[in-house]
């Protein structure tokens, strides 16, 4: 069994699209992949609710975040750092 120090957490990055909630920001991530049948480059987006304890991220910022234990029903991501301020 691995301890918390040995586990590698997957780091996501994206743009903050909403900061209206208390201690929560909504982050949009973008992913590109090739369609298996048509061999066309496709682009998909996904939105995550990210826990922001110090409320340091604002709308338009580029942030990095990671997955952790659930904070609420829909929120299990934690803010790591703000990469670029808007």
PDB file of N, CA and C in Angstrom:
ATOM      1  N   UNK A   1       0.843  -1.191   0.000  1.00  0.00           N
ATOM      2  CA  UNK A   1       0.000   0.000   0.000  1.00  0.00           C
ATOM      3  C   UNK A   1       0.880   1.244   0.000  1.00  0.00           C
ATOM      4  N   UNK A   2       0.579   2.174  -0.898  1.00  0.00           N
ATOM      5  CA  UNK A   2       1.361   3.390  -0.996  1.00  0.00           C
ATOM      6  C   UNK A   2       0.854   4.433  -0.016  1.00  0.00           C
ATOM      7  N   UNK A   3       1.770   5.218   0.506  1.00  0.00           N
ATOM      8  CA  UNK A   3       1.366   6.313   1.382  1.00  0.00           C
ATOM      9  C   UNK A   3       1.072   7.545   0.541  1.00  0.00           C
ATOM     10  N   UNK A   4       0.622   8.609   1.182  1.00  0.00           N
ATOM     11  CA  UNK A   4       0.258   9.821   0.461  1.00  0.00           C
ATOM     12  C   UNK A   4       1.455  10.458  -0.230  1.00  0.00           C
ATOM     13  N   UNK A   5       2.658  10.336   0.341  1.00  0.00           N
ATOM     14  CA  UNK A   5       3.844  10.929  -0.271  1.00  0.00           C
ATOM     15  C   UNK A   5       4.236  10.190  -1.550  1.00  0.00           C
ATOM     16  N   UNK A   6       3.961   8.882  -1.635  1.00  0.00           N
ATOM     17  CA  UNK A   6       4.376   8.096  -2.778  1.00  0.00           C
ATOM     18  C   UNK A   6       3.393   8.182  -3.946  1.00  0.00           C
ATOM     19  N   UNK A   7       2.136   8.520  -3.690  1.00  0.00           N
ATOM     20  CA  UNK A   7       1.144   8.579  -4.753  1.00  0.00           C
ATOM     21  C   UNK A   7       1.389   9.785  -5.638  1.00  0.00           C
ATOM     22  N   UNK A   8       1.331   9.583  -6.953  1.00  0.00           N
ATOM     23  CA  UNK A   8       1.456  10.678  -7.889  1.00  0.00           C
ATOM     24  C   UNK A   8       0.043  11.126  -8.258  1.00  0.00           C
ATOM     25  N   UNK A   9      -0.285  12.365  -7.952  1.00  0.00           N
ATOM     26  CA  UNK A   9      -1.597  12.889  -8.276  1.00  0.00           C
ATOM     27  C   UNK A   9      -1.572  13.457  -9.687  1.00  0.00           C
ATOM     28  N   UNK A  10      -2.635  13.201 -10.451  1.00  0.00           N
ATOM     29  CA  UNK A  10      -2.736  13.741 -11.804  1.00  0.00           C
ATOM     30  C   UNK A  10      -3.059  15.221 -11.707  1.00  0.00           C
ATOM     31  N   UNK A  11      -2.292  16.023 -12.417  1.00  0.00           N
ATOM     32  CA  UNK A  11      -2.472  17.473 -12.385  1.00  0.00           C
ATOM     33  C   UNK A  11      -3.192  17.904 -13.655  1.00  0.00           C
ATOM     34  N   UNK A  12      -4.285  18.623 -13.472  1.00  0.00           N
ATOM     35  CA  UNK A  12      -5.064  19.170 -14.568  1.00  0.00           C
ATOM     36  C   UNK A  12      -4.802  20.669 -14.648  1.00  0.00           C
ATOM     37  N   UNK A  13      -5.031  21.247 -15.814  1.00  0.00           N
ATOM     38  CA  UNK A  13      -4.935  22.692 -15.940  1.00  0.00           C
ATOM     39  C   UNK A  13      -6.082  23.183 -16.801  1.00  0.00           C
ATOM     40  N   UNK A  14      -6.515  24.410 -16.538  1.00  0.00           N
ATOM     41  CA  UNK A  14      -7.621  24.960 -17.300  1.00  0.00           C
ATOM     42  C   UNK A  14      -7.856  26.409 -16.929  1.00  0.00           C
ATOM     43  N   UNK A  15      -8.912  26.970 -17.510  1.00  0.00           N
ATOM     44  CA  UNK A  15      -9.243  28.373 -17.317  1.00  0.00           C
ATOM     45  C   UNK A  15     -10.463  28.499 -16.417  1.00  0.00           C
ATOM     46  N   UNK A  16     -10.396  29.442 -15.478  1.00  0.00           N
ATOM     47  CA  UNK A  16     -11.512  29.684 -14.564  1.00  0.00           C
ATOM     48  C   UNK A  16     -12.609  30.410 -15.342  1.00  0.00           C
ATOM     49  N   UNK A  17     -13.822  29.815 -15.343  1.00  0.00           N
ATOM     50  CA  UNK A  17     -14.926  30.445 -16.045  1.00  0.00           C
ATOM     51  C   UNK A  17     -15.972  31.009 -15.093  1.00  0.00           C
ATOM     52  N   UNK A  18     -15.886  30.673 -13.790  1.00  0.00           N
ATOM     53  CA  UNK A  18     -16.817  31.224 -12.817  1.00  0.00           C
ATOM     54  C   UNK A  18     -16.165  31.225 -11.439  1.00  0.00           C
ATOM     55  N   UNK A  19     -16.339  32.341 -10.705  1.00  0.00           N
ATOM     56  CA  UNK A  19     -15.832  32.413  -9.329  1.00  0.00           C
ATOM     57  C   UNK A  19     -16.895  32.976  -8.396  1.00  0.00           C
ATOM     58  N   UNK A  20     -18.155  32.760  -8.709  1.00  0.00           N
ATOM     59  CA  UNK A  20     -19.257  33.329  -7.927  1.00  0.00           C
ATOM     60  C   UNK A  20     -19.512  32.584  -6.622  1.00  0.00           C
ATOM     61  N   UNK A  21     -19.163  31.296  -6.560  1.00  0.00           N
ATOM     62  CA  UNK A  21     -19.428  30.516  -5.354  1.00  0.00           C
ATOM     63  C   UNK A  21     -18.387  30.794  -4.280  1.00  0.00           C
ATOM     64  N   UNK A  22     -18.738  30.487  -3.040  1.00  0.00           N
ATOM     65  CA  UNK A  22     -17.848  30.687  -1.909  1.00  0.00           C
ATOM     66  C   UNK A  22     -16.854  29.531  -1.846  1.00  0.00           C
ATOM     67  N   UNK A  23     -15.542  29.831  -1.929  1.00  0.00           N
ATOM     68  CA  UNK A  23     -14.447  28.861  -1.867  1.00  0.00           C
ATOM     69  C   UNK A  23     -14.495  27.825  -2.989  1.00  0.00           C
ATOM     70  N   UNK A  24     -15.137  28.151  -4.109  1.00  0.00           N
ATOM     71  CA  UNK A  24     -15.227  27.244  -5.246  1.00  0.00           C
ATOM     72  C   UNK A  24     -15.091  28.028  -6.531  1.00  0.00           C
ATOM     73  N   UNK A  25     -14.320  27.482  -7.470  1.00  0.00           N
ATOM     74  CA  UNK A  25     -14.248  28.045  -8.815  1.00  0.00           C
ATOM     75  C   UNK A  25     -14.586  26.935  -9.804  1.00  0.00           C
ATOM     76  N   UNK A  26     -15.161  27.319 -10.935  1.00  0.00           N
ATOM     77  CA  UNK A  26     -15.460  26.370 -11.997  1.00  0.00           C
ATOM     78  C   UNK A  26     -14.384  26.545 -13.062  1.00  0.00           C
ATOM     79  N   UNK A  27     -13.714  25.439 -13.406  1.00  0.00           N
ATOM     80  CA  UNK A  27     -12.589  25.476 -14.335  1.00  0.00           C
ATOM     81  C   UNK A  27     -12.940  24.645 -15.566  1.00  0.00           C
ATOM     82  N   UNK A  28     -12.661  25.211 -16.758  1.00  0.00           N
ATOM     83  CA  UNK A  28     -12.907  24.531 -18.022  1.00  0.00           C
ATOM     84  C   UNK A  28     -11.589  23.987 -18.549  1.00  0.00           C
ATOM     85  N   UNK A  29     -11.543  22.676 -18.815  1.00  0.00           N
ATOM     86  CA  UNK A  29     -10.361  22.052 -19.409  1.00  0.00           C
ATOM     87  C   UNK A  29     -10.695  21.642 -20.835  1.00  0.00           C
ATOM     88  N   UNK A  30      -9.690  21.641 -21.690  1.00  0.00           N
ATOM     89  CA  UNK A  30      -9.878  21.290 -23.084  1.00  0.00           C
ATOM     90  C   UNK A  30      -8.978  20.114 -23.425  1.00  0.00           C
ATOM     91  N   UNK A  31      -9.518  19.157 -24.202  1.00  0.00           N
ATOM     92  CA  UNK A  31      -8.774  17.960 -24.564  1.00  0.00           C
ATOM     93  C   UNK A  31      -8.948  17.723 -26.052  1.00  0.00           C
ATOM     94  N   UNK A  32      -7.872  17.386 -26.740  1.00  0.00           N
ATOM     95  CA  UNK A  32      -7.962  17.051 -28.160  1.00  0.00           C
ATOM     96  C   UNK A  32      -7.609  15.577 -28.347  1.00  0.00           C
ATOM     97  N   UNK A  33      -8.297  14.952 -29.298  1.00  0.00           N
ATOM     98  CA  UNK A  33      -8.042  13.546 -29.599  1.00  0.00           C
ATOM     99  C   UNK A  33      -8.425  13.290 -31.053  1.00  0.00           C
ATOM    100  N   UNK A  34      -7.941  12.191 -31.598  1.00  0.00           N
ATOM    101  CA  UNK A  34      -8.288  11.837 -32.967  1.00  0.00           C
ATOM    102  C   UNK A  34      -9.466  10.873 -32.960  1.00  0.00           C
ATOM    103  N   UNK A  35     -10.469  11.156 -33.785  1.00  0.00           N
ATOM    104  CA  UNK A  35     -11.633  10.288 -33.885  1.00  0.00           C
ATOM    105  C   UNK A  35     -11.213   8.948 -34.488  1.00  0.00           C
ATOM    106  N   UNK A  36     -11.632   7.825 -33.870  1.00  0.00           N
ATOM    107  CA  UNK A  36     -11.132   6.529 -34.327  1.00  0.00           C
ATOM    108  C   UNK A  36     -11.579   6.140 -35.736  1.00  0.00           C
ATOM    109  N   UNK A  37     -12.769   6.551 -36.147  1.00  0.00           N
ATOM    110  CA  UNK A  37     -13.256   6.147 -37.463  1.00  0.00           C
ATOM    111  C   UNK A  37     -12.935   7.172 -38.548  1.00  0.00           C
ATOM    112  N   UNK A  38     -13.127   8.442 -38.249  1.00  0.00           N
ATOM    113  CA  UNK A  38     -12.996   9.464 -39.276  1.00  0.00           C
ATOM    114  C   UNK A  38     -11.616  10.123 -39.298  1.00  0.00           C
ATOM    115  N   UNK A  39     -10.749   9.813 -38.355  1.00  0.00           N
ATOM    116  CA  UNK A  39      -9.379  10.329 -38.284  1.00  0.00           C
ATOM    117  C   UNK A  39      -9.335  11.860 -38.339  1.00  0.00           C
ATOM    118  N   UNK A  40     -10.265  12.464 -37.652  1.00  0.00           N
ATOM    119  CA  UNK A  40     -10.332  13.915 -37.569  1.00  0.00           C
ATOM    120  C   UNK A  40      -9.969  14.319 -36.150  1.00  0.00           C
ATOM    121  N   UNK A  41      -9.245  15.416 -35.995  1.00  0.00           N
ATOM    122  CA  UNK A  41      -8.882  15.895 -34.661  1.00  0.00           C
ATOM    123  C   UNK A  41     -10.115  16.541 -34.036  1.00  0.00           C
ATOM    124  N   UNK A  42     -10.534  16.009 -32.907  1.00  0.00           N
ATOM    125  CA  UNK A  42     -11.726  16.496 -32.207  1.00  0.00           C
ATOM    126  C   UNK A  42     -11.290  17.229 -30.951  1.00  0.00           C
ATOM    127  N   UNK A  43     -12.115  18.149 -30.506  1.00  0.00           N
ATOM    128  CA  UNK A  43     -11.833  18.921 -29.298  1.00  0.00           C
ATOM    129  C   UNK A  43     -13.043  18.839 -28.372  1.00  0.00           C
ATOM    130  N   UNK A  44     -12.803  18.466 -27.118  1.00  0.00           N
ATOM    131  CA  UNK A  44     -13.880  18.427 -26.137  1.00  0.00           C
ATOM    132  C   UNK A  44     -13.489  19.263 -24.931  1.00  0.00           C
ATOM    133  N   UNK A  45     -14.496  19.775 -24.240  1.00  0.00           N
ATOM    134  CA  UNK A  45     -14.257  20.536 -23.015  1.00  0.00           C
ATOM    135  C   UNK A  45     -15.009  19.870 -21.878  1.00  0.00           C
ATOM    136  N   UNK A  46     -14.487  20.065 -20.683  1.00  0.00           N
ATOM    137  CA  UNK A  46     -15.124  19.528 -19.492  1.00  0.00           C
ATOM    138  C   UNK A  46     -14.970  20.555 -18.382  1.00  0.00           C
ATOM    139  N   UNK A  47     -15.994  20.675 -17.535  1.00  0.00           N
ATOM    140  CA  UNK A  47     -15.963  21.637 -16.445  1.00  0.00           C
ATOM    141  C   UNK A  47     -15.815  20.900 -15.116  1.00  0.00           C
ATOM    142  N   UNK A  48     -14.945  21.410 -14.269  1.00  0.00           N
ATOM    143  CA  UNK A  48     -14.724  20.857 -12.938  1.00  0.00           C
ATOM    144  C   UNK A  48     -14.984  21.937 -11.900  1.00  0.00           C
ATOM    145  N   UNK A  49     -15.560  21.537 -10.761  1.00  0.00           N
ATOM    146  CA  UNK A  49     -15.660  22.441  -9.621  1.00  0.00           C
ATOM    147  C   UNK A  49     -14.426  22.198  -8.760  1.00  0.00           C
ATOM    148  N   UNK A  50     -13.682  23.268  -8.495  1.00  0.00           N
ATOM    149  CA  UNK A  50     -12.397  23.168  -7.805  1.00  0.00           C
ATOM    150  C   UNK A  50     -12.475  23.926  -6.496  1.00  0.00           C
ATOM    151  N   UNK A  51     -12.011  23.290  -5.413  1.00  0.00           N
ATOM    152  CA  UNK A  51     -12.008  23.903  -4.090  1.00  0.00           C
ATOM    153  C   UNK A  51     -10.859  24.904  -4.000  1.00  0.00           C
ATOM    154  N   UNK A  52     -11.190  26.151  -3.686  1.00  0.00           N
ATOM    155  CA  UNK A  52     -10.219  27.250  -3.599  1.00  0.00           C
ATOM    156  C   UNK A  52     -10.339  27.856  -2.203  1.00  0.00           C
ATOM    157  N   UNK A  53      -9.579  27.325  -1.250  1.00  0.00           N
ATOM    158  CA  UNK A  53      -9.713  27.707   0.162  1.00  0.00           C
ATOM    159  C   UNK A  53      -9.415  29.184   0.399  1.00  0.00           C
ATOM    160  N   UNK A  54      -8.337  29.707  -0.173  1.00  0.00           N
ATOM    161  CA  UNK A  54      -7.960  31.106   0.054  1.00  0.00           C
ATOM    162  C   UNK A  54      -8.620  32.062  -0.933  1.00  0.00           C
ATOM    163  N   UNK A  55      -9.405  31.550  -1.858  1.00  0.00           N
ATOM    164  CA  UNK A  55     -10.078  32.341  -2.890  1.00  0.00           C
ATOM    165  C   UNK A  55      -9.070  33.207  -3.645  1.00  0.00           C
ATOM    166  N   UNK A  56      -8.004  32.578  -4.153  1.00  0.00           N
ATOM    167  CA  UNK A  56      -6.953  33.304  -4.852  1.00  0.00           C
ATOM    168  C   UNK A  56      -7.173  33.330  -6.358  1.00  0.00           C
ATOM    169  N   UNK A  57      -8.021  32.469  -6.920  1.00  0.00           N
ATOM    170  CA  UNK A  57      -8.269  32.451  -8.362  1.00  0.00           C
ATOM    171  C   UNK A  57      -9.484  33.309  -8.693  1.00  0.00           C
ATOM    172  N   UNK A  58      -9.387  34.012  -9.817  1.00  0.00           N
ATOM    173  CA  UNK A  58     -10.518  34.814 -10.271  1.00  0.00           C
ATOM    174  C   UNK A  58     -10.818  34.459 -11.727  1.00  0.00           C
ATOM    175  N   UNK A  59     -11.895  34.999 -12.244  1.00  0.00           N
ATOM    176  CA  UNK A  59     -12.369  34.653 -13.576  1.00  0.00           C
ATOM    177  C   UNK A  59     -11.324  35.015 -14.639  1.00  0.00           C
ATOM    178  N   UNK A  60     -11.055  34.074 -15.546  1.00  0.00           N
ATOM    179  CA  UNK A  60     -10.089  34.288 -16.611  1.00  0.00           C
ATOM    180  C   UNK A  60      -8.693  33.785 -16.300  1.00  0.00           C
ATOM    181  N   UNK A  61      -8.407  33.424 -15.049  1.00  0.00           N
ATOM    182  CA  UNK A  61      -7.084  32.920 -14.672  1.00  0.00           C
ATOM    183  C   UNK A  61      -6.869  31.509 -15.215  1.00  0.00           C
ATOM    184  N   UNK A  62      -5.606  31.176 -15.477  1.00  0.00           N
ATOM    185  CA  UNK A  62      -5.223  29.808 -15.824  1.00  0.00           C
ATOM    186  C   UNK A  62      -4.679  29.172 -14.554  1.00  0.00           C
ATOM    187  N   UNK A  63      -5.240  28.025 -14.161  1.00  0.00           N
ATOM    188  CA  UNK A  63      -4.889  27.398 -12.892  1.00  0.00           C
ATOM    189  C   UNK A  63      -4.517  25.935 -13.102  1.00  0.00           C
ATOM    190  N   UNK A  64      -3.813  25.371 -12.106  1.00  0.00           N
ATOM    191  CA  UNK A  64      -3.542  23.941 -12.031  1.00  0.00           C
ATOM    192  C   UNK A  64      -4.252  23.399 -10.811  1.00  0.00           C
ATOM    193  N   UNK A  65      -4.824  22.192 -10.940  1.00  0.00           N
ATOM    194  CA  UNK A  65      -5.546  21.582  -9.829  1.00  0.00           C
ATOM    195  C   UNK A  65      -5.378  20.074  -9.883  1.00  0.00           C
ATOM    196  N   UNK A  66      -5.700  19.407  -8.760  1.00  0.00           N
ATOM    197  CA  UNK A  66      -5.521  17.965  -8.665  1.00  0.00           C
ATOM    198  C   UNK A  66      -6.735  17.343  -7.981  1.00  0.00           C
ATOM    199  N   UNK A  67      -6.864  16.027  -8.128  1.00  0.00           N
ATOM    200  CA  UNK A  67      -7.984  15.291  -7.555  1.00  0.00           C
ATOM    201  C   UNK A  67      -7.647  14.849  -6.142  1.00  0.00           C
ATOM    202  N   UNK A  68      -8.631  14.951  -5.258  1.00  0.00           N
ATOM    203  CA  UNK A  68      -8.449  14.542  -3.871  1.00  0.00           C
ATOM    204  C   UNK A  68      -9.723  13.931  -3.325  1.00  0.00           C
ATOM    205  N   UNK A  69      -9.840  13.914  -2.015  1.00  0.00           N
ATOM    206  CA  UNK A  69     -11.046  13.353  -1.428  1.00  0.00           C
ATOM    207  C   UNK A  69     -12.216  14.303  -1.625  1.00  0.00           C
ATOM    208  N   UNK A  70     -13.450  13.789  -1.710  1.00  0.00           N
ATOM    209  CA  UNK A  70     -14.602  14.643  -1.989  1.00  0.00           C
ATOM    210  C   UNK A  70     -14.840  15.685  -0.898  1.00  0.00           C
ATOM    211  N   UNK A  71     -15.108  16.918  -1.319  1.00  0.00           N
ATOM    212  CA  UNK A  71     -15.449  17.998  -0.408  1.00  0.00           C
ATOM    213  C   UNK A  71     -16.962  18.096  -0.296  1.00  0.00           C
ATOM    214  N   UNK A  72     -17.656  17.856  -1.410  1.00  0.00           N
ATOM    215  CA  UNK A  72     -19.113  17.879  -1.446  1.00  0.00           C
ATOM    216  C   UNK A  72     -19.569  16.874  -2.496  1.00  0.00           C
ATOM    217  N   UNK A  73     -20.845  16.941  -2.847  1.00  0.00           N
ATOM    218  CA  UNK A  73     -21.407  15.988  -3.808  1.00  0.00           C
ATOM    219  C   UNK A  73     -20.734  16.080  -5.179  1.00  0.00           C
ATOM    220  N   UNK A  74     -20.433  17.286  -5.624  1.00  0.00           N
ATOM    221  CA  UNK A  74     -19.893  17.468  -6.968  1.00  0.00           C
ATOM    222  C   UNK A  74     -18.463  17.994  -6.987  1.00  0.00           C
ATOM    223  N   UNK A  75     -17.844  18.196  -5.840  1.00  0.00           N
ATOM    224  CA  UNK A  75     -16.519  18.829  -5.792  1.00  0.00           C
ATOM    225  C   UNK A  75     -15.497  17.909  -5.144  1.00  0.00           C
ATOM    226  N   UNK A  76     -14.494  17.474  -5.950  1.00  0.00           N
ATOM    227  CA  UNK A  76     -13.420  16.628  -5.414  1.00  0.00           C
ATOM    228  C   UNK A  76     -12.062  17.049  -5.965  1.00  0.00           C
ATOM    229  N   UNK A  77     -11.968  18.258  -6.499  1.00  0.00           N
ATOM    230  CA  UNK A  77     -10.713  18.788  -7.018  1.00  0.00           C
ATOM    231  C   UNK A  77     -10.230  19.912  -6.113  1.00  0.00           C
ATOM    232  N   UNK A  78      -8.907  20.060  -6.011  1.00  0.00           N
ATOM    233  CA  UNK A  78      -8.296  21.068  -5.149  1.00  0.00           C
ATOM    234  C   UNK A  78      -7.355  21.942  -5.971  1.00  0.00           C
ATOM    235  N   UNK A  79      -7.368  23.227  -5.716  1.00  0.00           N
ATOM    236  CA  UNK A  79      -6.517  24.175  -6.422  1.00  0.00           C
ATOM    237  C   UNK A  79      -5.069  23.990  -5.977  1.00  0.00           C
ATOM    238  N   UNK A  80      -4.163  23.871  -6.948  1.00  0.00           N
ATOM    239  CA  UNK A  80      -2.744  23.758  -6.637  1.00  0.00           C
ATOM    240  C   UNK A  80      -2.083  25.145  -6.707  1.00  0.00           C
ATOM    241  N   UNK A  81      -2.226  25.815  -7.865  1.00  0.00           N
ATOM    242  CA  UNK A  81      -1.626  27.147  -7.994  1.00  0.00           C
ATOM    243  C   UNK A  81      -2.264  27.880  -9.164  1.00  0.00           C
ATOM    244  N   UNK A  82      -2.112  29.185  -9.138  1.00  0.00           N
ATOM    245  CA  UNK A  82      -2.557  30.021 -10.250  1.00  0.00           C
ATOM    246  C   UNK A  82      -1.359  30.203 -11.173  1.00  0.00           C
ATOM    247  N   UNK A  83      -1.463  29.735 -12.397  1.00  0.00           N
ATOM    248  CA  UNK A  83      -0.354  29.800 -13.342  1.00  0.00           C
ATOM    249  C   UNK A  83      -0.242  31.195 -13.948  1.00  0.00           C
ATOM    250  N   UNK A  84      -1.370  31.744 -14.394  1.00  0.00           N
ATOM    251  CA  UNK A  84      -1.360  33.040 -15.062  1.00  0.00           C
ATOM    252  C   UNK A  84      -2.594  33.830 -14.655  1.00  0.00           C
ATOM    253  N   UNK A  85      -2.378  35.038 -14.144  1.00  0.00           N
ATOM    254  CA  UNK A  85      -3.488  35.910 -13.793  1.00  0.00           C
ATOM    255  C   UNK A  85      -4.071  36.525 -15.046  1.00  0.00           C
ATOM    256  N   UNK A  86      -5.385  36.810 -15.016  1.00  0.00           N
ATOM    257  CA  UNK A  86      -6.041  37.413 -16.184  1.00  0.00           C
ATOM    258  C   UNK A  86      -5.786  38.909 -16.248  1.00  0.00           C
TER     259      UNK A  86
END
